[in-house]
PDB file of N, CA and C in Angstrom:
ATOM      1  N   UNK A   1      28.857  97.509 146.996  1.00  0.00           N
ATOM      2  CA  UNK A   1      29.244  98.867 146.696  1.00  0.00           C
ATOM      3  C   UNK A   1      28.026  99.766 146.894  1.00  0.00           C
ATOM      4  N   UNK A   2      28.262 100.970 147.472  1.00  0.00           N
ATOM      5  CA  UNK A   2      27.179 101.929 147.670  1.00  0.00           C
ATOM      6  C   UNK A   2      26.652 102.452 146.349  1.00  0.00           C
ATOM      7  N   UNK A   3      25.547 103.120 146.414  1.00  0.00           N
ATOM      8  CA  UNK A   3      24.949 103.690 145.216  1.00  0.00           C
ATOM      9  C   UNK A   3      24.917 105.202 145.321  1.00  0.00           C
ATOM     10  N   UNK A   4      24.924 105.849 144.169  1.00  0.00           N
ATOM     11  CA  UNK A   4      24.787 107.293 144.097  1.00  0.00           C
ATOM     12  C   UNK A   4      23.317 107.596 143.898  1.00  0.00           C
ATOM     13  N   UNK A   5      22.711 108.328 144.860  1.00  0.00           N
ATOM     14  CA  UNK A   5      21.285 108.632 144.801  1.00  0.00           C
ATOM     15  C   UNK A   5      21.112 110.128 144.986  1.00  0.00           C
ATOM     16  N   UNK A   6      20.482 110.790 144.020  1.00  0.00           N
ATOM     17  CA  UNK A   6      20.274 112.238 144.059  1.00  0.00           C
ATOM     18  C   UNK A   6      21.584 112.984 144.280  1.00  0.00           C
ATOM     19  N   UNK A   7      22.669 112.484 143.699  1.00  0.00           N
ATOM     20  CA  UNK A   7      23.970 113.135 143.822  1.00  0.00           C
ATOM     21  C   UNK A   7      24.684 112.844 145.123  1.00  0.00           C
ATOM     22  N   UNK A   8      24.104 111.975 145.966  1.00  0.00           N
ATOM     23  CA  UNK A   8      24.688 111.644 147.268  1.00  0.00           C
ATOM     24  C   UNK A   8      25.112 110.182 147.290  1.00  0.00           C
ATOM     25  N   UNK A   9      26.211 109.930 147.954  1.00  0.00           N
ATOM     26  CA  UNK A   9      26.667 108.557 148.154  1.00  0.00           C
ATOM     27  C   UNK A   9      26.515 108.206 149.628  1.00  0.00           C
ATOM     28  N   UNK A  10      25.779 107.170 149.929  1.00  0.00           N
ATOM     29  CA  UNK A  10      25.660 106.695 151.302  1.00  0.00           C
ATOM     30  C   UNK A  10      26.884 105.855 151.625  1.00  0.00           C
ATOM     31  N   UNK A  11      27.495 106.136 152.756  1.00  0.00           N
ATOM     32  CA  UNK A  11      28.712 105.451 153.159  1.00  0.00           C
ATOM     33  C   UNK A  11      28.353 104.297 154.097  1.00  0.00           C
ATOM     34  N   UNK A  12      28.925 103.144 153.834  1.00  0.00           N
ATOM     35  CA  UNK A  12      28.667 101.949 154.627  1.00  0.00           C
ATOM     36  C   UNK A  12      29.656 101.859 155.796  1.00  0.00           C
ATOM     37  N   UNK A  13      29.320 101.078 156.815  1.00  0.00           N
ATOM     38  CA  UNK A  13      30.235 100.845 157.930  1.00  0.00           C
ATOM     39  C   UNK A  13      31.583 100.353 157.408  1.00  0.00           C
ATOM     40  N   UNK A  14      32.654 100.863 157.990  1.00  0.00           N
ATOM     41  CA  UNK A  14      34.038 100.464 157.678  1.00  0.00           C
ATOM     42  C   UNK A  14      34.494 100.849 156.273  1.00  0.00           C
ATOM     43  N   UNK A  15      33.748 101.674 155.564  1.00  0.00           N
ATOM     44  CA  UNK A  15      34.170 102.138 154.246  1.00  0.00           C
ATOM     45  C   UNK A  15      35.211 103.237 154.430  1.00  0.00           C
ATOM     46  N   UNK A  16      36.346 103.143 153.757  1.00  0.00           N
ATOM     47  CA  UNK A  16      37.445 104.092 153.953  1.00  0.00           C
ATOM     48  C   UNK A  16      37.589 105.106 152.823  1.00  0.00           C
ATOM     49  N   UNK A  17      36.841 104.901 151.737  1.00  0.00           N
ATOM     50  CA  UNK A  17      36.922 105.797 150.590  1.00  0.00           C
ATOM     51  C   UNK A  17      35.576 105.791 149.873  1.00  0.00           C
ATOM     52  N   UNK A  18      35.241 106.913 149.233  1.00  0.00           N
ATOM     53  CA  UNK A  18      34.025 106.920 148.426  1.00  0.00           C
ATOM     54  C   UNK A  18      34.237 106.023 147.209  1.00  0.00           C
ATOM     55  N   UNK A  19      33.157 105.505 146.682  1.00  0.00           N
ATOM     56  CA  UNK A  19      33.228 104.667 145.487  1.00  0.00           C
ATOM     57  C   UNK A  19      33.088 105.480 144.210  1.00  0.00           C
ATOM     58  N   UNK A  20      32.575 106.699 144.340  1.00  0.00           N
ATOM     59  CA  UNK A  20      32.331 107.553 143.183  1.00  0.00           C
ATOM     60  C   UNK A  20      33.178 108.816 143.299  1.00  0.00           C
ATOM     61  N   UNK A  21      33.457 109.441 142.179  1.00  0.00           N
ATOM     62  CA  UNK A  21      34.141 110.729 142.179  1.00  0.00           C
ATOM     63  C   UNK A  21      33.139 111.819 142.504  1.00  0.00           C
ATOM     64  N   UNK A  22      33.530 112.740 143.368  1.00  0.00           N
ATOM     65  CA  UNK A  22      32.666 113.823 143.795  1.00  0.00           C
ATOM     66  C   UNK A  22      33.368 115.147 143.532  1.00  0.00           C
ATOM     67  N   UNK A  23      32.708 116.226 143.840  1.00  0.00           N
ATOM     68  CA  UNK A  23      33.308 117.543 143.682  1.00  0.00           C
ATOM     69  C   UNK A  23      32.317 118.501 143.081  1.00  0.00           C
ATOM     70  N   UNK A  24      32.767 119.723 142.907  1.00  0.00           N
ATOM     71  CA  UNK A  24      31.911 120.735 142.315  1.00  0.00           C
ATOM     72  C   UNK A  24      31.438 121.732 143.345  1.00  0.00           C
ATOM     73  N   UNK A  25      30.473 122.523 142.951  1.00  0.00           N
ATOM     74  CA  UNK A  25      29.955 123.544 143.844  1.00  0.00           C
ATOM     75  C   UNK A  25      28.439 123.573 143.681  1.00  0.00           C
ATOM     76  N   UNK A  26      27.627 123.245 144.646  1.00  0.00           N
ATOM     77  CA  UNK A  26      28.056 123.008 146.023  1.00  0.00           C
ATOM     78  C   UNK A  26      28.684 121.625 146.181  1.00  0.00           C
ATOM     79  N   UNK A  27      29.525 121.486 147.172  1.00  0.00           N
ATOM     80  CA  UNK A  27      30.198 120.244 147.528  1.00  0.00           C
ATOM     81  C   UNK A  27      30.005 120.102 149.031  1.00  0.00           C
ATOM     82  N   UNK A  28      29.113 119.200 149.439  1.00  0.00           N
ATOM     83  CA  UNK A  28      28.714 119.115 150.843  1.00  0.00           C
ATOM     84  C   UNK A  28      28.852 117.702 151.386  1.00  0.00           C
ATOM     85  N   UNK A  29      29.041 117.629 152.699  1.00  0.00           N
ATOM     86  CA  UNK A  29      29.067 116.366 153.427  1.00  0.00           C
ATOM     87  C   UNK A  29      28.000 116.448 154.512  1.00  0.00           C
ATOM     88  N   UNK A  30      27.244 115.373 154.683  1.00  0.00           N
ATOM     89  CA  UNK A  30      26.259 115.285 155.760  1.00  0.00           C
ATOM     90  C   UNK A  30      26.734 114.191 156.705  1.00  0.00           C
ATOM     91  N   UNK A  31      26.815 114.525 157.989  1.00  0.00           N
ATOM     92  CA  UNK A  31      27.199 113.538 158.995  1.00  0.00           C
ATOM     93  C   UNK A  31      26.036 113.320 159.950  1.00  0.00           C
ATOM     94  N   UNK A  32      25.907 112.111 160.411  1.00  0.00           N
ATOM     95  CA  UNK A  32      24.937 111.771 161.449  1.00  0.00           C
ATOM     96  C   UNK A  32      25.697 111.466 162.718  1.00  0.00           C
ATOM     97  N   UNK A  33      25.377 112.170 163.789  1.00  0.00           N
ATOM     98  CA  UNK A  33      26.101 112.033 165.051  1.00  0.00           C
ATOM     99  C   UNK A  33      25.108 111.616 166.135  1.00  0.00           C
ATOM    100  N   UNK A  34      25.403 110.528 166.828  1.00  0.00           N
ATOM    101  CA  UNK A  34      24.562 110.084 167.929  1.00  0.00           C
ATOM    102  C   UNK A  34      25.185 110.591 169.223  1.00  0.00           C
ATOM    103  N   UNK A  35      24.382 111.270 170.046  1.00  0.00           N
ATOM    104  CA  UNK A  35      24.865 111.765 171.333  1.00  0.00           C
ATOM    105  C   UNK A  35      24.556 113.238 171.505  1.00  0.00           C
ATOM    106  N   UNK A  36      25.073 113.783 172.595  1.00  0.00           N
ATOM    107  CA  UNK A  36      24.769 115.161 172.967  1.00  0.00           C
ATOM    108  C   UNK A  36      25.591 116.211 172.234  1.00  0.00           C
ATOM    109  N   UNK A  37      26.661 115.855 171.589  1.00  0.00           N
ATOM    110  CA  UNK A  37      27.563 116.822 170.958  1.00  0.00           C
ATOM    111  C   UNK A  37      26.889 117.636 169.872  1.00  0.00           C
ATOM    112  N   UNK A  38      27.522 117.699 168.724  1.00  0.00           N
ATOM    113  CA  UNK A  38      26.972 118.457 167.621  1.00  0.00           C
ATOM    114  C   UNK A  38      27.237 119.935 167.765  1.00  0.00           C
ATOM    115  N   UNK A  39      26.840 120.668 166.774  1.00  0.00           N
ATOM    116  CA  UNK A  39      26.968 122.124 166.717  1.00  0.00           C
ATOM    117  C   UNK A  39      28.331 122.643 167.121  1.00  0.00           C
ATOM    118  N   UNK A  40      28.455 123.140 168.328  1.00  0.00           N
ATOM    119  CA  UNK A  40      29.656 123.856 168.746  1.00  0.00           C
ATOM    120  C   UNK A  40      30.772 122.966 169.262  1.00  0.00           C
ATOM    121  N   UNK A  41      30.510 121.696 169.508  1.00  0.00           N
ATOM    122  CA  UNK A  41      31.540 120.843 170.081  1.00  0.00           C
ATOM    123  C   UNK A  41      32.289 120.025 169.039  1.00  0.00           C
ATOM    124  N   UNK A  42      31.746 119.877 167.847  1.00  0.00           N
ATOM    125  CA  UNK A  42      32.354 119.050 166.817  1.00  0.00           C
ATOM    126  C   UNK A  42      32.963 119.910 165.719  1.00  0.00           C
ATOM    127  N   UNK A  43      33.904 119.336 164.966  1.00  0.00           N
ATOM    128  CA  UNK A  43      34.536 120.066 163.870  1.00  0.00           C
ATOM    129  C   UNK A  43      34.868 119.096 162.746  1.00  0.00           C
ATOM    130  N   UNK A  44      35.163 119.641 161.577  1.00  0.00           N
ATOM    131  CA  UNK A  44      35.508 118.812 160.424  1.00  0.00           C
ATOM    132  C   UNK A  44      36.466 119.570 159.513  1.00  0.00           C
ATOM    133  N   UNK A  45      37.315 118.802 158.837  1.00  0.00           N
ATOM    134  CA  UNK A  45      38.216 119.369 157.833  1.00  0.00           C
ATOM    135  C   UNK A  45      38.118 118.531 156.565  1.00  0.00           C
ATOM    136  N   UNK A  46      38.458 119.140 155.440  1.00  0.00           N
ATOM    137  CA  UNK A  46      38.543 118.433 154.167  1.00  0.00           C
ATOM    138  C   UNK A  46      39.819 118.881 153.481  1.00  0.00           C
ATOM    139  N   UNK A  47      40.669 117.927 153.149  1.00  0.00           N
ATOM    140  CA  UNK A  47      41.958 118.208 152.507  1.00  0.00           C
ATOM    141  C   UNK A  47      42.747 119.241 153.317  1.00  0.00           C
ATOM    142  N   UNK A  48      42.639 119.156 154.642  1.00  0.00           N
ATOM    143  CA  UNK A  48      43.385 120.044 155.525  1.00  0.00           C
ATOM    144  C   UNK A  48      42.754 121.395 155.777  1.00  0.00           C
ATOM    145  N   UNK A  49      41.624 121.681 155.165  1.00  0.00           N
ATOM    146  CA  UNK A  49      40.938 122.965 155.326  1.00  0.00           C
ATOM    147  C   UNK A  49      39.689 122.791 156.190  1.00  0.00           C
ATOM    148  N   UNK A  50      39.409 123.797 157.007  1.00  0.00           N
ATOM    149  CA  UNK A  50      38.225 123.745 157.866  1.00  0.00           C
ATOM    150  C   UNK A  50      36.961 123.679 157.015  1.00  0.00           C
ATOM    151  N   UNK A  51      36.075 122.739 157.327  1.00  0.00           N
ATOM    152  CA  UNK A  51      34.785 122.633 156.644  1.00  0.00           C
ATOM    153  C   UNK A  51      33.803 123.566 157.345  1.00  0.00           C
ATOM    154  N   UNK A  52      33.010 124.288 156.583  1.00  0.00           N
ATOM    155  CA  UNK A  52      32.066 125.264 157.128  1.00  0.00           C
ATOM    156  C   UNK A  52      30.714 124.611 157.390  1.00  0.00           C
ATOM    157  N   UNK A  53      30.229 124.729 158.637  1.00  0.00           N
ATOM    158  CA  UNK A  53      28.918 124.167 158.940  1.00  0.00           C
ATOM    159  C   UNK A  53      27.829 125.009 158.284  1.00  0.00           C
ATOM    160  N   UNK A  54      26.931 124.345 157.575  1.00  0.00           N
ATOM    161  CA  UNK A  54      25.803 124.997 156.912  1.00  0.00           C
ATOM    162  C   UNK A  54      24.565 124.929 157.793  1.00  0.00           C
ATOM    163  N   UNK A  55      24.330 123.741 158.368  1.00  0.00           N
ATOM    164  CA  UNK A  55      23.128 123.543 159.180  1.00  0.00           C
ATOM    165  C   UNK A  55      23.355 122.382 160.133  1.00  0.00           C
ATOM    166  N   UNK A  56      22.613 122.380 161.207  1.00  0.00           N
ATOM    167  CA  UNK A  56      22.659 121.315 162.207  1.00  0.00           C
ATOM    168  C   UNK A  56      21.240 121.125 162.711  1.00  0.00           C
ATOM    169  N   UNK A  57      20.712 119.916 162.561  1.00  0.00           N
ATOM    170  CA  UNK A  57      19.332 119.638 162.928  1.00  0.00           C
ATOM    171  C   UNK A  57      19.307 118.445 163.875  1.00  0.00           C
ATOM    172  N   UNK A  58      18.562 118.564 164.963  1.00  0.00           N
ATOM    173  CA  UNK A  58      18.440 117.467 165.915  1.00  0.00           C
ATOM    174  C   UNK A  58      17.701 116.289 165.330  1.00  0.00           C
ATOM    175  N   UNK A  59      18.161 115.090 165.692  1.00  0.00           N
ATOM    176  CA  UNK A  59      17.474 113.853 165.323  1.00  0.00           C
ATOM    177  C   UNK A  59      16.613 113.491 166.523  1.00  0.00           C
ATOM    178  N   UNK A  60      15.314 113.455 166.301  1.00  0.00           N
ATOM    179  CA  UNK A  60      14.368 113.277 167.401  1.00  0.00           C
ATOM    180  C   UNK A  60      13.778 111.873 167.373  1.00  0.00           C
ATOM    181  N   UNK A  61      13.760 111.233 168.540  1.00  0.00           N
ATOM    182  CA  UNK A  61      13.182 109.898 168.662  1.00  0.00           C
ATOM    183  C   UNK A  61      11.677 109.949 168.837  1.00  0.00           C
ATOM    184  N   UNK A  62      11.054 108.791 168.955  1.00  0.00           N
ATOM    185  CA  UNK A  62       9.600 108.711 169.097  1.00  0.00           C
ATOM    186  C   UNK A  62       9.111 109.350 170.395  1.00  0.00           C
ATOM    187  N   UNK A  63      10.024 109.549 171.354  1.00  0.00           N
ATOM    188  CA  UNK A  63       9.663 110.185 172.620  1.00  0.00           C
ATOM    189  C   UNK A  63       9.897 111.697 172.600  1.00  0.00           C
ATOM    190  N   UNK A  64      10.152 112.260 171.404  1.00  0.00           N
ATOM    191  CA  UNK A  64      10.418 113.683 171.194  1.00  0.00           C
ATOM    192  C   UNK A  64      11.677 114.184 171.898  1.00  0.00           C
ATOM    193  N   UNK A  65      12.632 113.289 172.152  1.00  0.00           N
ATOM    194  CA  UNK A  65      13.906 113.652 172.751  1.00  0.00           C
ATOM    195  C   UNK A  65      14.983 113.594 171.666  1.00  0.00           C
ATOM    196  N   UNK A  66      15.806 114.641 171.602  1.00  0.00           N
ATOM    197  CA  UNK A  66      16.904 114.678 170.636  1.00  0.00           C
ATOM    198  C   UNK A  66      17.970 113.675 171.080  1.00  0.00           C
ATOM    199  N   UNK A  67      18.327 112.746 170.188  1.00  0.00           N
ATOM    200  CA  UNK A  67      19.353 111.761 170.527  1.00  0.00           C
ATOM    201  C   UNK A  67      20.574 111.854 169.624  1.00  0.00           C
ATOM    202  N   UNK A  68      20.580 112.827 168.716  1.00  0.00           N
ATOM    203  CA  UNK A  68      21.717 112.999 167.818  1.00  0.00           C
ATOM    204  C   UNK A  68      21.503 114.199 166.915  1.00  0.00           C
ATOM    205  N   UNK A  69      22.399 114.324 165.929  1.00  0.00           N
ATOM    206  CA  UNK A  69      22.396 115.507 165.051  1.00  0.00           C
ATOM    207  C   UNK A  69      22.726 115.127 163.625  1.00  0.00           C
ATOM    208  N   UNK A  70      22.049 115.766 162.677  1.00  0.00           N
ATOM    209  CA  UNK A  70      22.449 115.760 161.269  1.00  0.00           C
ATOM    210  C   UNK A  70      23.197 117.064 161.070  1.00  0.00           C
ATOM    211  N   UNK A  71      24.396 117.006 160.538  1.00  0.00           N
ATOM    212  CA  UNK A  71      25.200 118.206 160.294  1.00  0.00           C
ATOM    213  C   UNK A  71      25.573 118.277 158.819  1.00  0.00           C
ATOM    214  N   UNK A  72      25.296 119.417 158.189  1.00  0.00           N
ATOM    215  CA  UNK A  72      25.662 119.667 156.797  1.00  0.00           C
ATOM    216  C   UNK A  72      26.869 120.588 156.790  1.00  0.00           C
ATOM    217  N   UNK A  73      27.905 120.209 156.034  1.00  0.00           N
ATOM    218  CA  UNK A  73      29.120 121.029 155.953  1.00  0.00           C
ATOM    219  C   UNK A  73      29.495 121.268 154.499  1.00  0.00           C
ATOM    220  N   UNK A  74      29.907 122.507 154.225  1.00  0.00           N
ATOM    221  CA  UNK A  74      30.382 122.904 152.899  1.00  0.00           C
ATOM    222  C   UNK A  74      31.874 122.606 152.825  1.00  0.00           C
ATOM    223  N   UNK A  75      32.276 121.793 151.849  1.00  0.00           N
ATOM    224  CA  UNK A  75      33.697 121.495 151.665  1.00  0.00           C
ATOM    225  C   UNK A  75      34.188 121.960 150.294  1.00  0.00           C
ATOM    226  N   UNK A  76      33.474 122.921 149.697  1.00  0.00           N
ATOM    227  CA  UNK A  76      33.833 123.389 148.350  1.00  0.00           C
ATOM    228  C   UNK A  76      34.885 124.488 148.342  1.00  0.00           C
ATOM    229  N   UNK A  77      35.224 125.049 149.513  1.00  0.00           N
ATOM    230  CA  UNK A  77      36.200 126.145 149.564  1.00  0.00           C
ATOM    231  C   UNK A  77      37.274 125.825 150.576  1.00  0.00           C
ATOM    232  N   UNK A  78      38.520 126.010 150.262  1.00  0.00           N
ATOM    233  CA  UNK A  78      39.008 126.299 148.919  1.00  0.00           C
ATOM    234  C   UNK A  78      38.741 125.127 147.986  1.00  0.00           C
ATOM    235  N   UNK A  79      38.851 125.392 146.730  1.00  0.00           N
ATOM    236  CA  UNK A  79      38.470 124.407 145.726  1.00  0.00           C
ATOM    237  C   UNK A  79      39.364 123.166 145.796  1.00  0.00           C
ATOM    238  N   UNK A  80      38.781 122.075 146.250  1.00  0.00           N
ATOM    239  CA  UNK A  80      39.457 120.781 146.260  1.00  0.00           C
ATOM    240  C   UNK A  80      38.539 119.785 145.580  1.00  0.00           C
ATOM    241  N   UNK A  81      39.109 118.911 144.801  1.00  0.00           N
ATOM    242  CA  UNK A  81      38.270 117.914 144.143  1.00  0.00           C
ATOM    243  C   UNK A  81      38.294 116.582 144.872  1.00  0.00           C
ATOM    244  N   UNK A  82      39.302 116.378 145.720  1.00  0.00           N
ATOM    245  CA  UNK A  82      39.374 115.139 146.483  1.00  0.00           C
ATOM    246  C   UNK A  82      40.268 115.354 147.700  1.00  0.00           C
ATOM    247  N   UNK A  83      40.135 114.475 148.667  1.00  0.00           N
ATOM    248  CA  UNK A  83      40.968 114.558 149.851  1.00  0.00           C
ATOM    249  C   UNK A  83      40.338 113.861 151.033  1.00  0.00           C
ATOM    250  N   UNK A  84      41.023 113.917 152.155  1.00  0.00           N
ATOM    251  CA  UNK A  84      40.579 113.267 153.383  1.00  0.00           C
ATOM    252  C   UNK A  84      39.595 114.171 154.126  1.00  0.00           C
ATOM    253  N   UNK A  85      38.396 113.647 154.416  1.00  0.00           N
ATOM    254  CA  UNK A  85      37.431 114.337 155.255  1.00  0.00           C
ATOM    255  C   UNK A  85      37.590 113.763 156.653  1.00  0.00           C
ATOM    256  N   UNK A  86      37.863 114.635 157.631  1.00  0.00           N
ATOM    257  CA  UNK A  86      38.073 114.206 159.020  1.00  0.00           C
ATOM    258  C   UNK A  86      37.024 114.882 159.890  1.00  0.00           C
ATOM    259  N   UNK A  87      36.285 114.077 160.641  1.00  0.00           N
ATOM    260  CA  UNK A  87      35.256 114.579 161.548  1.00  0.00           C
ATOM    261  C   UNK A  87      35.711 114.285 162.975  1.00  0.00           C
ATOM    262  N   UNK A  88      35.690 115.312 163.826  1.00  0.00           N
ATOM    263  CA  UNK A  88      36.117 115.168 165.214  1.00  0.00           C
ATOM    264  C   UNK A  88      34.970 115.545 166.139  1.00  0.00           C
ATOM    265  N   UNK A  89      34.633 114.624 167.042  1.00  0.00           N
ATOM    266  CA  UNK A  89      33.563 114.844 168.016  1.00  0.00           C
ATOM    267  C   UNK A  89      34.193 114.990 169.397  1.00  0.00           C
ATOM    268  N   UNK A  90      33.800 116.061 170.079  1.00  0.00           N
ATOM    269  CA  UNK A  90      34.270 116.298 171.438  1.00  0.00           C
ATOM    270  C   UNK A  90      33.083 116.183 172.380  1.00  0.00           C
ATOM    271  N   UNK A  91      33.223 115.361 173.386  1.00  0.00           N
ATOM    272  CA  UNK A  91      32.155 115.152 174.341  1.00  0.00           C
ATOM    273  C   UNK A  91      31.887 116.432 175.128  1.00  0.00           C
ATOM    274  N   UNK A  92      30.608 116.725 175.407  1.00  0.00           N
ATOM    275  CA  UNK A  92      30.291 117.884 176.238  1.00  0.00           C
ATOM    276  C   UNK A  92      30.472 117.532 177.707  1.00  0.00           C
ATOM    277  N   UNK A  93      30.579 116.247 178.017  1.00  0.00           N
ATOM    278  CA  UNK A  93      30.885 115.773 179.362  1.00  0.00           C
ATOM    279  C   UNK A  93      32.367 115.425 179.409  1.00  0.00           C
ATOM    280  N   UNK A  94      32.868 115.082 180.566  1.00  0.00           N
ATOM    281  CA  UNK A  94      34.244 114.612 180.634  1.00  0.00           C
ATOM    282  C   UNK A  94      34.286 113.293 179.875  1.00  0.00           C
ATOM    283  N   UNK A  95      35.094 113.249 178.885  1.00  0.00           N
ATOM    284  CA  UNK A  95      35.145 112.049 178.061  1.00  0.00           C
ATOM    285  C   UNK A  95      36.099 112.235 176.913  1.00  0.00           C
ATOM    286  N   UNK A  96      36.162 111.253 176.056  1.00  0.00           N
ATOM    287  CA  UNK A  96      37.153 111.275 174.985  1.00  0.00           C
ATOM    288  C   UNK A  96      36.773 112.198 173.832  1.00  0.00           C
ATOM    289  N   UNK A  97      37.794 112.589 173.088  1.00  0.00           N
ATOM    290  CA  UNK A  97      37.616 113.216 171.787  1.00  0.00           C
ATOM    291  C   UNK A  97      37.829 112.106 170.773  1.00  0.00           C
ATOM    292  N   UNK A  98      36.884 111.963 169.848  1.00  0.00           N
ATOM    293  CA  UNK A  98      36.963 110.876 168.881  1.00  0.00           C
ATOM    294  C   UNK A  98      36.923 111.435 167.465  1.00  0.00           C
ATOM    295  N   UNK A  99      37.642 110.781 166.564  1.00  0.00           N
ATOM    296  CA  UNK A  99      37.687 111.203 165.161  1.00  0.00           C
ATOM    297  C   UNK A  99      37.449 110.013 164.242  1.00  0.00           C
ATOM    298  N   UNK A 100      36.945 110.349 163.073  1.00  0.00           N
ATOM    299  CA  UNK A 100      36.811 109.352 162.005  1.00  0.00           C
ATOM    300  C   UNK A 100      37.123 110.074 160.695  1.00  0.00           C
ATOM    301  N   UNK A 101      37.463 109.315 159.671  1.00  0.00           N
ATOM    302  CA  UNK A 101      37.798 109.951 158.402  1.00  0.00           C
ATOM    303  C   UNK A 101      37.422 109.039 157.236  1.00  0.00           C
ATOM    304  N   UNK A 102      37.321 109.668 156.088  1.00  0.00           N
ATOM    305  CA  UNK A 102      37.079 108.951 154.840  1.00  0.00           C
ATOM    306  C   UNK A 102      37.744 109.739 153.721  1.00  0.00           C
ATOM    307  N   UNK A 103      38.292 109.032 152.742  1.00  0.00           N
ATOM    308  CA  UNK A 103      38.868 109.698 151.583  1.00  0.00           C
ATOM    309  C   UNK A 103      37.754 109.919 150.565  1.00  0.00           C
ATOM    310  N   UNK A 104      37.558 111.165 150.160  1.00  0.00           N
ATOM    311  CA  UNK A 104      36.534 111.503 149.172  1.00  0.00           C
ATOM    312  C   UNK A 104      37.209 111.704 147.832  1.00  0.00           C
ATOM    313  N   UNK A 105      36.789 110.904 146.843  1.00  0.00           N
ATOM    314  CA  UNK A 105      37.362 110.974 145.493  1.00  0.00           C
ATOM    315  C   UNK A 105      36.833 112.175 144.741  1.00  0.00           C
TER     316      UNK A 105
END
């Protein structure tokens, strides 16, 4: 089972639901995305409502090349205490649109 650290729960591979109850204000989700997308090509919803992007920062490798993105999203509005978080990544090249989701308690 994951641990709650500094108010954050790290999600493990193949985990379909959070192990802890979350909510409140601020209520944020951080996603790590590998690839060229990020920022304007990706989107997220929580409990059917659009999640608002707060920040997007490039993940830089030892060669100083961006290979992914950390994205912070506000999911506190409208006020939901739990629901399905869905993240959708759209390739900037010709390629698939991919989604993943997790139920947040």
